[in-house]
Amino acid sequence: MALVATIGFFDGVHCGHQFVLENVVSIAASKHLTPAVVVFKDHPQRVLYGRSIPLLTTYDERLQLLKAFGVEQILTFSFEKICHLTAEEFMRLLHDEHDVSVLVMGYDHHFGSNHPDSFERYQESADRVGIELVRLPRNPISKASSTAIRKAISLGNIEEANDMLGYHFTLTGKVVSGKQIGRKIGFPTANLLIPEEKIVPMDGVYICETDDRKALLNIGSNPTLNGTERTIELHIPDFSGDLYGKTLSVQLLHYLRSEQLFDNLDALQHQIAQDVEQIKHNISAE
């Protein structure tokens, strides 16, 4: 079946992306076609400018989110291999080799090495290729952008980031062994190994949720314990069990406080106990 598609990197699959996807799914349904997206596995800025950008979502997370928002087919391209194509050449590739019959463009979206300066130029190319081109209006609800969300997360503004994402920002990682000091002071933690390309919020303590359980997430170097390496540690109150080797997904809800250097372990224990009480307060407030 022919495709109705849109093009993008879709980092975060945020509210702005979701507006485009809703239109793709709606148009596809009205034409009895398949809703699809064209995605790039590598970020265009890394290819074009050599910039390493911390990502809101890994490639696998992007695919899962795209499917969750109604996309039925995903066409993945290496940006490095197609970045030399003009807009018309890329549309012809999509039409002739991947059966894209309708292409949906966001209000301010651009693609192609020739950088067409107007929608009319894209329309002229689409007409020659045989693709129906649809330009969407501005999103009337959200001005979310991946750049703005990255900035919010880097500053610990989790609730702001979540509003723009339309869901809770999530860190997913494998539980690896640590120094087990948390266990010795009565607050055992699971050390998460997060993919290198994933953005991590600024250091501090966060209220989070994993497997429907509220928890604390500490990001930082544990200065009270003379730590030198940045770690991501999860404490799940009243949990007993072995998490080593398992993969956990942690949804961040609120920034609680900055990481602190305490005078001694007793002071640290007292503060963590207060943090746990904040979790209980957060649950009752909901």
C-alpha atoms as a PDB file:
ATOM      1  CA  MET A   1       0.000   0.000   0.000  1.00  0.00           C
ATOM      2  CA  ALA A   2       1.186   3.504  -0.817  1.00  0.00           C
ATOM      3  CA  LEU A   3       2.409   5.710   1.997  1.00  0.00           C
ATOM      4  CA  VAL A   4       1.582   9.076   3.516  1.00  0.00           C
ATOM      5  CA  ALA A   5       4.883  10.150   5.059  1.00  0.00           C
ATOM      6  CA  THR A   6       6.675  12.965   6.799  1.00  0.00           C
ATOM      7  CA  ILE A   7      10.425  13.539   7.205  1.00  0.00           C
ATOM      8  CA  GLY A   8      12.483  14.286  10.295  1.00  0.00           C
ATOM      9  CA  PHE A   9      14.884  13.198  13.000  1.00  0.00           C
ATOM     10  CA  PHE A  10      12.085  13.265  15.608  1.00  0.00           C
ATOM     11  CA  ASP A  11      14.289  13.493  18.685  1.00  0.00           C
ATOM     12  CA  GLY A  12      11.951  13.209  21.665  1.00  0.00           C
ATOM     13  CA  VAL A  13       8.835  12.766  19.497  1.00  0.00           C
ATOM     14  CA  HIS A  14       7.529  15.807  21.411  1.00  0.00           C
ATOM     15  CA  CYS A  15       4.225  17.671  21.167  1.00  0.00           C
ATOM     16  CA  GLY A  16       5.316  19.465  18.000  1.00  0.00           C
ATOM     17  CA  HIS A  17       6.158  16.165  16.339  1.00  0.00           C
ATOM     18  CA  GLN A  18       2.931  14.650  17.635  1.00  0.00           C
ATOM     19  CA  PHE A  19       0.916  17.383  15.882  1.00  0.00           C
ATOM     20  CA  VAL A  20       2.541  16.401  12.577  1.00  0.00           C
ATOM     21  CA  LEU A  21       2.057  12.688  13.228  1.00  0.00           C
ATOM     22  CA  GLU A  22      -1.634  13.172  14.046  1.00  0.00           C
ATOM     23  CA  ASN A  23      -2.079  14.831  10.665  1.00  0.00           C
ATOM     24  CA  VAL A  24      -0.155  12.089   8.865  1.00  0.00           C
ATOM     25  CA  VAL A  25      -2.345   9.419  10.475  1.00  0.00           C
ATOM     26  CA  SER A  26      -5.524  11.387   9.712  1.00  0.00           C
ATOM     27  CA  ILE A  27      -4.613  12.012   6.062  1.00  0.00           C
ATOM     28  CA  ALA A  28      -3.612   8.378   5.613  1.00  0.00           C
ATOM     29  CA  ALA A  29      -6.942   7.205   7.026  1.00  0.00           C
ATOM     30  CA  SER A  30      -8.904   9.541   4.738  1.00  0.00           C
ATOM     31  CA  LYS A  31      -7.044   8.242   1.678  1.00  0.00           C
ATOM     32  CA  HIS A  32      -6.909   4.585   2.817  1.00  0.00           C
ATOM     33  CA  LEU A  33      -3.118   4.694   2.746  1.00  0.00           C
ATOM     34  CA  THR A  34      -0.418   3.725   5.287  1.00  0.00           C
ATOM     35  CA  PRO A  35       0.912   6.363   7.728  1.00  0.00           C
ATOM     36  CA  ALA A  36       4.717   6.435   7.675  1.00  0.00           C
ATOM     37  CA  VAL A  37       7.721   8.483   8.719  1.00  0.00           C
ATOM     38  CA  VAL A  38      11.130   8.957   7.139  1.00  0.00           C
ATOM     39  CA  VAL A  39      13.746   9.089   9.909  1.00  0.00           C
ATOM     40  CA  PHE A  40      17.502   9.501  10.067  1.00  0.00           C
ATOM     41  CA  LYS A  41      19.507   7.243  12.339  1.00  0.00           C
ATOM     42  CA  ASP A  42      22.318   9.784  12.727  1.00  0.00           C
ATOM     43  CA  HIS A  43      21.667  13.401  13.725  1.00  0.00           C
ATOM     44  CA  PRO A  44      22.116  15.805  10.759  1.00  0.00           C
ATOM     45  CA  GLN A  45      24.238  18.229  12.815  1.00  0.00           C
ATOM     46  CA  ARG A  46      26.712  15.474  13.656  1.00  0.00           C
ATOM     47  CA  VAL A  47      27.091  14.653   9.971  1.00  0.00           C
ATOM     48  CA  LEU A  48      27.185  18.229   8.682  1.00  0.00           C
ATOM     49  CA  TYR A  49      29.112  19.975  11.450  1.00  0.00           C
ATOM     50  CA  GLY A  50      30.689  17.211  13.528  1.00  0.00           C
ATOM     51  CA  ARG A  51      28.678  18.248  16.601  1.00  0.00           C
ATOM     52  CA  SER A  52      27.872  15.615  19.186  1.00  0.00           C
ATOM     53  CA  ILE A  53      24.383  16.426  20.454  1.00  0.00           C
ATOM     54  CA  PRO A  54      22.984  14.773  23.603  1.00  0.00           C
ATOM     55  CA  LEU A  55      19.724  13.189  22.521  1.00  0.00           C
ATOM     56  CA  LEU A  56      16.325  13.123  24.196  1.00  0.00           C
ATOM     57  CA  THR A  57      15.699   9.646  22.828  1.00  0.00           C
ATOM     58  CA  THR A  58      17.842   6.823  21.530  1.00  0.00           C
ATOM     59  CA  TYR A  59      17.065   5.399  18.099  1.00  0.00           C
ATOM     60  CA  ASP A  60      15.082   2.503  19.605  1.00  0.00           C
ATOM     61  CA  GLU A  61      13.131   4.876  21.875  1.00  0.00           C
ATOM     62  CA  ARG A  62      12.245   7.050  18.889  1.00  0.00           C
ATOM     63  CA  LEU A  63      10.897   4.057  16.991  1.00  0.00           C
ATOM     64  CA  GLN A  64       8.794   2.934  19.951  1.00  0.00           C
ATOM     65  CA  LEU A  65       7.313   6.411  20.387  1.00  0.00           C
ATOM     66  CA  LEU A  66       6.605   6.850  16.681  1.00  0.00           C
ATOM     67  CA  LYS A  67       4.694   3.572  16.623  1.00  0.00           C
ATOM     68  CA  ALA A  68       2.830   4.554  19.794  1.00  0.00           C
ATOM     69  CA  PHE A  69       1.548   7.662  17.999  1.00  0.00           C
ATOM     70  CA  GLY A  70       0.082   5.689  15.112  1.00  0.00           C
ATOM     71  CA  VAL A  71       2.933   5.327  12.624  1.00  0.00           C
ATOM     72  CA  GLU A  72       2.696   1.979  10.838  1.00  0.00           C
ATOM     73  CA  GLN A  73       5.800   2.084   8.659  1.00  0.00           C
ATOM     74  CA  ILE A  74       9.218   3.614   9.363  1.00  0.00           C
ATOM     75  CA  LEU A  75      11.749   4.286   6.611  1.00  0.00           C
ATOM     76  CA  THR A  76      15.208   4.729   8.140  1.00  0.00           C
ATOM     77  CA  PHE A  77      17.976   6.434   6.197  1.00  0.00           C
ATOM     78  CA  SER A  78      21.591   7.236   6.965  1.00  0.00           C
ATOM     79  CA  PHE A  79      21.710  11.026   6.728  1.00  0.00           C
ATOM     80  CA  GLU A  80      25.329  10.794   5.654  1.00  0.00           C
ATOM     81  CA  LYS A  81      24.314   8.806   2.570  1.00  0.00           C
ATOM     82  CA  ILE A  82      21.467  11.057   1.433  1.00  0.00           C
ATOM     83  CA  CYS A  83      22.554  14.539   2.558  1.00  0.00           C
ATOM     84  CA  HIS A  84      23.884  15.345  -0.906  1.00  0.00           C
ATOM     85  CA  LEU A  85      20.454  14.855  -2.520  1.00  0.00           C
ATOM     86  CA  THR A  86      18.370  17.865  -3.518  1.00  0.00           C
ATOM     87  CA  ALA A  87      14.796  18.070  -2.262  1.00  0.00           C
ATOM     88  CA  GLU A  88      13.523  16.854  -5.618  1.00  0.00           C
ATOM     89  CA  GLU A  89      16.006  13.972  -5.779  1.00  0.00           C
ATOM     90  CA  PHE A  90      15.023  12.844  -2.291  1.00  0.00           C
ATOM     91  CA  MET A  91      11.312  13.058  -3.100  1.00  0.00           C
ATOM     92  CA  ARG A  92      11.908  11.010  -6.243  1.00  0.00           C
ATOM     93  CA  LEU A  93      13.751   8.384  -4.188  1.00  0.00           C
ATOM     94  CA  LEU A  94      10.848   8.220  -1.738  1.00  0.00           C
ATOM     95  CA  HIS A  95       8.262   8.049  -4.530  1.00  0.00           C
ATOM     96  CA  ASP A  96       9.972   5.608  -6.876  1.00  0.00           C
ATOM     97  CA  GLU A  97      11.616   3.225  -4.400  1.00  0.00           C
ATOM     98  CA  HIS A  98       9.395   3.465  -1.305  1.00  0.00           C
ATOM     99  CA  ASP A  99       5.934   4.189  -2.721  1.00  0.00           C
ATOM    100  CA  VAL A 100       5.447   7.519  -0.926  1.00  0.00           C
ATOM    101  CA  SER A 101       2.490   9.193  -2.642  1.00  0.00           C
ATOM    102  CA  VAL A 102       1.760  11.953  -0.111  1.00  0.00           C
ATOM    103  CA  LEU A 103       4.421  13.938   1.759  1.00  0.00           C
ATOM    104  CA  VAL A 104       3.421  16.010   4.783  1.00  0.00           C
ATOM    105  CA  MET A 105       5.606  18.983   5.738  1.00  0.00           C
ATOM    106  CA  GLY A 106       5.549  20.888   9.009  1.00  0.00           C
ATOM    107  CA  TYR A 107       5.076  24.647   8.826  1.00  0.00           C
ATOM    108  CA  ASP A 108       8.775  25.518   9.025  1.00  0.00           C
ATOM    109  CA  HIS A 109      10.320  22.234   7.836  1.00  0.00           C
ATOM    110  CA  HIS A 110      13.074  22.188   5.220  1.00  0.00           C
ATOM    111  CA  PHE A 111      15.013  19.389   3.571  1.00  0.00           C
ATOM    112  CA  GLY A 112      17.301  18.891   0.597  1.00  0.00           C
ATOM    113  CA  SER A 113      20.866  19.966  -0.120  1.00  0.00           C
ATOM    114  CA  ASN A 114      19.649  22.823  -2.330  1.00  0.00           C
ATOM    115  CA  HIS A 115      17.715  24.429   0.577  1.00  0.00           C
ATOM    116  CA  PRO A 116      14.585  25.582  -1.305  1.00  0.00           C
ATOM    117  CA  ASP A 117      13.546  28.960   0.076  1.00  0.00           C
ATOM    118  CA  SER A 118       9.771  28.576  -0.192  1.00  0.00           C
ATOM    119  CA  PHE A 119       7.023  25.984  -0.086  1.00  0.00           C
ATOM    120  CA  GLU A 120       6.241  26.853  -3.697  1.00  0.00           C
ATOM    121  CA  ARG A 121       9.677  25.559  -4.743  1.00  0.00           C
ATOM    122  CA  TYR A 122       9.009  22.292  -2.909  1.00  0.00           C
ATOM    123  CA  GLN A 123       5.605  22.132  -4.603  1.00  0.00           C
ATOM    124  CA  GLU A 124       7.148  22.523  -8.054  1.00  0.00           C
ATOM    125  CA  SER A 125       9.529  19.624  -7.359  1.00  0.00           C
ATOM    126  CA  ALA A 126       6.734  17.486  -5.930  1.00  0.00           C
ATOM    127  CA  ASP A 127       4.621  18.074  -9.041  1.00  0.00           C
ATOM    128  CA  ARG A 128       7.449  16.899 -11.283  1.00  0.00           C
ATOM    129  CA  VAL A 129       7.979  13.788  -9.134  1.00  0.00           C
ATOM    130  CA  GLY A 130       4.285  12.958  -8.804  1.00  0.00           C
ATOM    131  CA  ILE A 131       4.005  13.364  -5.034  1.00  0.00           C
ATOM    132  CA  GLU A 132       1.115  15.181  -3.386  1.00  0.00           C
ATOM    133  CA  LEU A 133       2.627  17.710  -0.992  1.00  0.00           C
ATOM    134  CA  VAL A 134       0.750  18.859   2.114  1.00  0.00           C
ATOM    135  CA  ARG A 135       1.946  21.801   4.211  1.00  0.00           C
ATOM    136  CA  LEU A 136       0.636  21.950   7.766  1.00  0.00           C
ATOM    137  CA  PRO A 137      -0.208  25.173   9.611  1.00  0.00           C
ATOM    138  CA  ARG A 138       1.613  26.202  12.758  1.00  0.00           C
ATOM    139  CA  ASN A 139       0.838  24.029  15.735  1.00  0.00           C
ATOM    140  CA  PRO A 140      -1.855  26.061  17.543  1.00  0.00           C
ATOM    141  CA  ILE A 141      -1.191  24.423  20.919  1.00  0.00           C
ATOM    142  CA  SER A 142       2.529  23.819  21.439  1.00  0.00           C
ATOM    143  CA  LYS A 143       5.763  25.570  20.489  1.00  0.00           C
ATOM    144  CA  ALA A 144       7.843  22.613  21.660  1.00  0.00           C
ATOM    145  CA  SER A 145      11.219  22.006  20.077  1.00  0.00           C
ATOM    146  CA  SER A 146      13.903  19.425  20.744  1.00  0.00           C
ATOM    147  CA  THR A 147      16.393  22.225  21.432  1.00  0.00           C
ATOM    148  CA  ALA A 148      14.141  23.870  24.037  1.00  0.00           C
ATOM    149  CA  ILE A 149      13.488  20.530  25.737  1.00  0.00           C
ATOM    150  CA  ARG A 150      17.202  19.693  25.889  1.00  0.00           C
ATOM    151  CA  LYS A 151      17.841  23.076  27.522  1.00  0.00           C
ATOM    152  CA  ALA A 152      15.082  22.522  30.091  1.00  0.00           C
ATOM    153  CA  ILE A 153      16.410  19.075  30.994  1.00  0.00           C
ATOM    154  CA  SER A 154      20.006  20.287  31.256  1.00  0.00           C
ATOM    155  CA  LEU A 155      18.794  22.914  33.779  1.00  0.00           C
ATOM    156  CA  GLY A 156      16.747  20.401  35.769  1.00  0.00           C
ATOM    157  CA  ASN A 157      13.438  21.930  34.650  1.00  0.00           C
ATOM    158  CA  ILE A 158      11.824  18.516  34.342  1.00  0.00           C
ATOM    159  CA  GLU A 159       8.193  19.599  34.567  1.00  0.00           C
ATOM    160  CA  GLU A 160       8.720  22.140  31.781  1.00  0.00           C
ATOM    161  CA  ALA A 161      10.385  19.476  29.649  1.00  0.00           C
ATOM    162  CA  ASN A 162       7.578  17.011  30.344  1.00  0.00           C
ATOM    163  CA  ASP A 163       4.980  19.592  29.278  1.00  0.00           C
ATOM    164  CA  MET A 164       6.719  20.010  25.928  1.00  0.00           C
ATOM    165  CA  LEU A 165       7.247  16.276  25.491  1.00  0.00           C
ATOM    166  CA  GLY A 166       3.660  15.386  26.326  1.00  0.00           C
ATOM    167  CA  TYR A 167       4.925  12.536  28.495  1.00  0.00           C
ATOM    168  CA  HIS A 168       7.524  12.028  31.229  1.00  0.00           C
ATOM    169  CA  PHE A 169      11.172  12.261  30.225  1.00  0.00           C
ATOM    170  CA  THR A 170      12.633   8.789  30.640  1.00  0.00           C
ATOM    171  CA  LEU A 171      16.072   7.388  31.375  1.00  0.00           C
ATOM    172  CA  THR A 172      16.512   3.712  30.527  1.00  0.00           C
ATOM    173  CA  GLY A 173      19.624   1.816  31.524  1.00  0.00           C
ATOM    174  CA  LYS A 174      21.096  -1.403  32.777  1.00  0.00           C
ATOM    175  CA  VAL A 175      21.671  -1.798  36.511  1.00  0.00           C
ATOM    176  CA  VAL A 176      25.392  -2.223  37.159  1.00  0.00           C
ATOM    177  CA  SER A 177      27.363  -2.835  40.340  1.00  0.00           C
ATOM    178  CA  GLY A 178      28.441   0.126  42.445  1.00  0.00           C
ATOM    179  CA  LYS A 179      30.233   0.707  45.739  1.00  0.00           C
ATOM    180  CA  GLN A 180      27.127  -0.417  47.698  1.00  0.00           C
ATOM    181  CA  ILE A 181      27.555   2.408  50.197  1.00  0.00           C
ATOM    182  CA  GLY A 182      23.855   3.227  49.973  1.00  0.00           C
ATOM    183  CA  ARG A 183      23.014  -0.219  51.255  1.00  0.00           C
ATOM    184  CA  LYS A 184      25.312   0.277  54.243  1.00  0.00           C
ATOM    185  CA  ILE A 185      23.536   3.485  55.296  1.00  0.00           C
ATOM    186  CA  GLY A 186      20.060   2.029  54.902  1.00  0.00           C
ATOM    187  CA  PHE A 187      19.178   3.410  51.454  1.00  0.00           C
ATOM    188  CA  PRO A 188      20.233   0.857  48.805  1.00  0.00           C
ATOM    189  CA  THR A 189      20.537   2.184  45.276  1.00  0.00           C
ATOM    190  CA  ALA A 190      20.611   0.727  41.784  1.00  0.00           C
ATOM    191  CA  ASN A 191      23.324   2.257  39.600  1.00  0.00           C
ATOM    192  CA  LEU A 192      22.051   2.866  36.084  1.00  0.00           C
ATOM    193  CA  LEU A 193      24.285   2.751  33.009  1.00  0.00           C
ATOM    194  CA  ILE A 194      22.681   5.105  30.490  1.00  0.00           C
ATOM    195  CA  PRO A 195      23.504   5.047  26.743  1.00  0.00           C
ATOM    196  CA  GLU A 196      26.291   7.497  25.964  1.00  0.00           C
ATOM    197  CA  GLU A 197      24.246   9.508  23.461  1.00  0.00           C
ATOM    198  CA  LYS A 198      21.378  10.142  25.901  1.00  0.00           C
ATOM    199  CA  ILE A 199      21.015  13.518  27.616  1.00  0.00           C
ATOM    200  CA  VAL A 200      21.222  13.396  31.410  1.00  0.00           C
ATOM    201  CA  PRO A 201      19.715  16.169  33.584  1.00  0.00           C
ATOM    202  CA  MET A 202      21.890  18.384  35.732  1.00  0.00           C
ATOM    203  CA  ASP A 203      23.183  16.980  39.004  1.00  0.00           C
ATOM    204  CA  GLY A 204      20.663  16.740  41.802  1.00  0.00           C
ATOM    205  CA  VAL A 205      17.940  14.615  43.349  1.00  0.00           C
ATOM    206  CA  TYR A 206      14.738  13.907  41.447  1.00  0.00           C
ATOM    207  CA  ILE A 207      11.402  12.320  42.271  1.00  0.00           C
ATOM    208  CA  CYS A 208      10.782   9.682  39.661  1.00  0.00           C
ATOM    209  CA  GLU A 209       8.772   6.587  38.913  1.00  0.00           C
ATOM    210  CA  THR A 210       9.732   3.099  37.779  1.00  0.00           C
ATOM    211  CA  ASP A 211       7.371   0.163  37.312  1.00  0.00           C
ATOM    212  CA  ASP A 212       4.579   2.204  38.937  1.00  0.00           C
ATOM    213  CA  ARG A 213       6.655   2.815  42.082  1.00  0.00           C
ATOM    214  CA  LYS A 214       7.749   6.270  43.179  1.00  0.00           C
ATOM    215  CA  ALA A 215      11.497   6.521  43.767  1.00  0.00           C
ATOM    216  CA  LEU A 216      14.439   8.895  44.165  1.00  0.00           C
ATOM    217  CA  LEU A 217      17.049   9.425  41.481  1.00  0.00           C
ATOM    218  CA  ASN A 218      20.389  10.944  42.438  1.00  0.00           C
ATOM    219  CA  ILE A 219      22.598  12.289  39.671  1.00  0.00           C
ATOM    220  CA  GLY A 220      26.077  13.396  40.639  1.00  0.00           C
ATOM    221  CA  SER A 221      29.401  12.392  42.167  1.00  0.00           C
ATOM    222  CA  ASN A 222      28.305  11.771  45.787  1.00  0.00           C
ATOM    223  CA  PRO A 223      30.692  14.356  47.342  1.00  0.00           C
ATOM    224  CA  THR A 224      29.860  13.299  50.916  1.00  0.00           C
ATOM    225  CA  LEU A 225      31.185   9.836  50.053  1.00  0.00           C
ATOM    226  CA  ASN A 226      34.285  11.293  48.327  1.00  0.00           C
ATOM    227  CA  GLY A 227      32.980  10.250  44.939  1.00  0.00           C
ATOM    228  CA  THR A 228      34.829  11.335  41.819  1.00  0.00           C
ATOM    229  CA  GLU A 229      32.747   9.856  38.994  1.00  0.00           C
ATOM    230  CA  ARG A 230      29.296  10.996  37.958  1.00  0.00           C
ATOM    231  CA  THR A 231      26.709   8.305  38.618  1.00  0.00           C
ATOM    232  CA  ILE A 232      22.963   7.848  38.238  1.00  0.00           C
ATOM    233  CA  GLU A 233      21.549   6.045  41.279  1.00  0.00           C
ATOM    234  CA  LEU A 234      17.984   4.954  41.907  1.00  0.00           C
ATOM    235  CA  HIS A 235      16.538   4.354  45.388  1.00  0.00           C
ATOM    236  CA  ILE A 236      13.150   2.621  45.532  1.00  0.00           C
ATOM    237  CA  PRO A 237      11.725   2.895  49.063  1.00  0.00           C
ATOM    238  CA  ASP A 238      10.588  -0.368  50.686  1.00  0.00           C
ATOM    239  CA  PHE A 239      11.908  -2.422  47.780  1.00  0.00           C
ATOM    240  CA  SER A 240      13.756  -5.666  48.333  1.00  0.00           C
ATOM    241  CA  GLY A 241      15.163  -7.703  45.501  1.00  0.00           C
ATOM    242  CA  ASP A 242      18.098  -8.097  43.158  1.00  0.00           C
ATOM    243  CA  LEU A 243      18.108  -5.649  40.252  1.00  0.00           C
ATOM    244  CA  TYR A 244      21.651  -6.243  39.000  1.00  0.00           C
ATOM    245  CA  GLY A 245      21.771  -6.902  35.272  1.00  0.00           C
ATOM    246  CA  LYS A 246      18.179  -5.799  34.720  1.00  0.00           C
ATOM    247  CA  THR A 247      17.142  -2.900  32.504  1.00  0.00           C
ATOM    248  CA  LEU A 248      15.047  -0.223  34.184  1.00  0.00           C
ATOM    249  CA  SER A 249      13.099   2.670  32.716  1.00  0.00           C
ATOM    250  CA  VAL A 250      12.802   5.668  35.025  1.00  0.00           C
ATOM    251  CA  GLN A 251      10.305   8.454  34.367  1.00  0.00           C
ATOM    252  CA  LEU A 252      11.410  11.768  35.879  1.00  0.00           C
ATOM    253  CA  LEU A 253       8.637  13.753  37.578  1.00  0.00           C
ATOM    254  CA  HIS A 254      10.121  16.582  39.669  1.00  0.00           C
ATOM    255  CA  TYR A 255      13.460  18.146  40.537  1.00  0.00           C
ATOM    256  CA  LEU A 256      13.743  17.915  44.322  1.00  0.00           C
ATOM    257  CA  ARG A 257      17.040  19.486  45.354  1.00  0.00           C
ATOM    258  CA  SER A 258      20.662  20.002  44.402  1.00  0.00           C
ATOM    259  CA  GLU A 259      23.368  17.515  45.296  1.00  0.00           C
ATOM    260  CA  GLN A 260      25.035  18.549  48.560  1.00  0.00           C
ATOM    261  CA  LEU A 261      28.221  17.956  50.527  1.00  0.00           C
ATOM    262  CA  PHE A 262      27.161  16.942  54.036  1.00  0.00           C
ATOM    263  CA  ASP A 263      29.348  17.106  57.139  1.00  0.00           C
ATOM    264  CA  ASN A 264      28.938  13.394  57.852  1.00  0.00           C
ATOM    265  CA  LEU A 265      26.969  10.261  56.945  1.00  0.00           C
ATOM    266  CA  ASP A 266      24.383  10.927  59.666  1.00  0.00           C
ATOM    267  CA  ALA A 267      23.482  14.219  58.028  1.00  0.00           C
ATOM    268  CA  LEU A 268      23.270  12.493  54.637  1.00  0.00           C
ATOM    269  CA  GLN A 269      21.000   9.771  56.050  1.00  0.00           C
ATOM    270  CA  HIS A 270      18.749  12.387  57.617  1.00  0.00           C
ATOM    271  CA  GLN A 271      18.416  14.267  54.320  1.00  0.00           C
ATOM    272  CA  ILE A 272      17.633  11.090  52.340  1.00  0.00           C
ATOM    273  CA  ALA A 273      14.955  10.213  54.901  1.00  0.00           C
ATOM    274  CA  GLN A 274      13.446  13.654  54.307  1.00  0.00           C
ATOM    275  CA  ASP A 275      13.634  13.084  50.549  1.00  0.00           C
ATOM    276  CA  VAL A 276      11.718   9.820  50.953  1.00  0.00           C
ATOM    277  CA  GLU A 277       9.047  11.722  52.890  1.00  0.00           C
ATOM    278  CA  GLN A 278       8.801  14.091  49.934  1.00  0.00           C
ATOM    279  CA  ILE A 279       7.918  11.104  47.757  1.00  0.00           C
ATOM    280  CA  LYS A 280       5.077  10.202  50.105  1.00  0.00           C
ATOM    281  CA  HIS A 281       3.888  13.823  50.083  1.00  0.00           C
ATOM    282  CA  ASN A 282       4.021  13.813  46.285  1.00  0.00           C
ATOM    283  CA  ILE A 283       1.887  10.663  46.148  1.00  0.00           C
ATOM    284  CA  SER A 284      -0.725  12.064  48.540  1.00  0.00           C
ATOM    285  CA  ALA A 285      -0.851  15.318  46.573  1.00  0.00           C
ATOM    286  CA  GLU A 286      -1.780  13.395  43.450  1.00  0.00           C
END
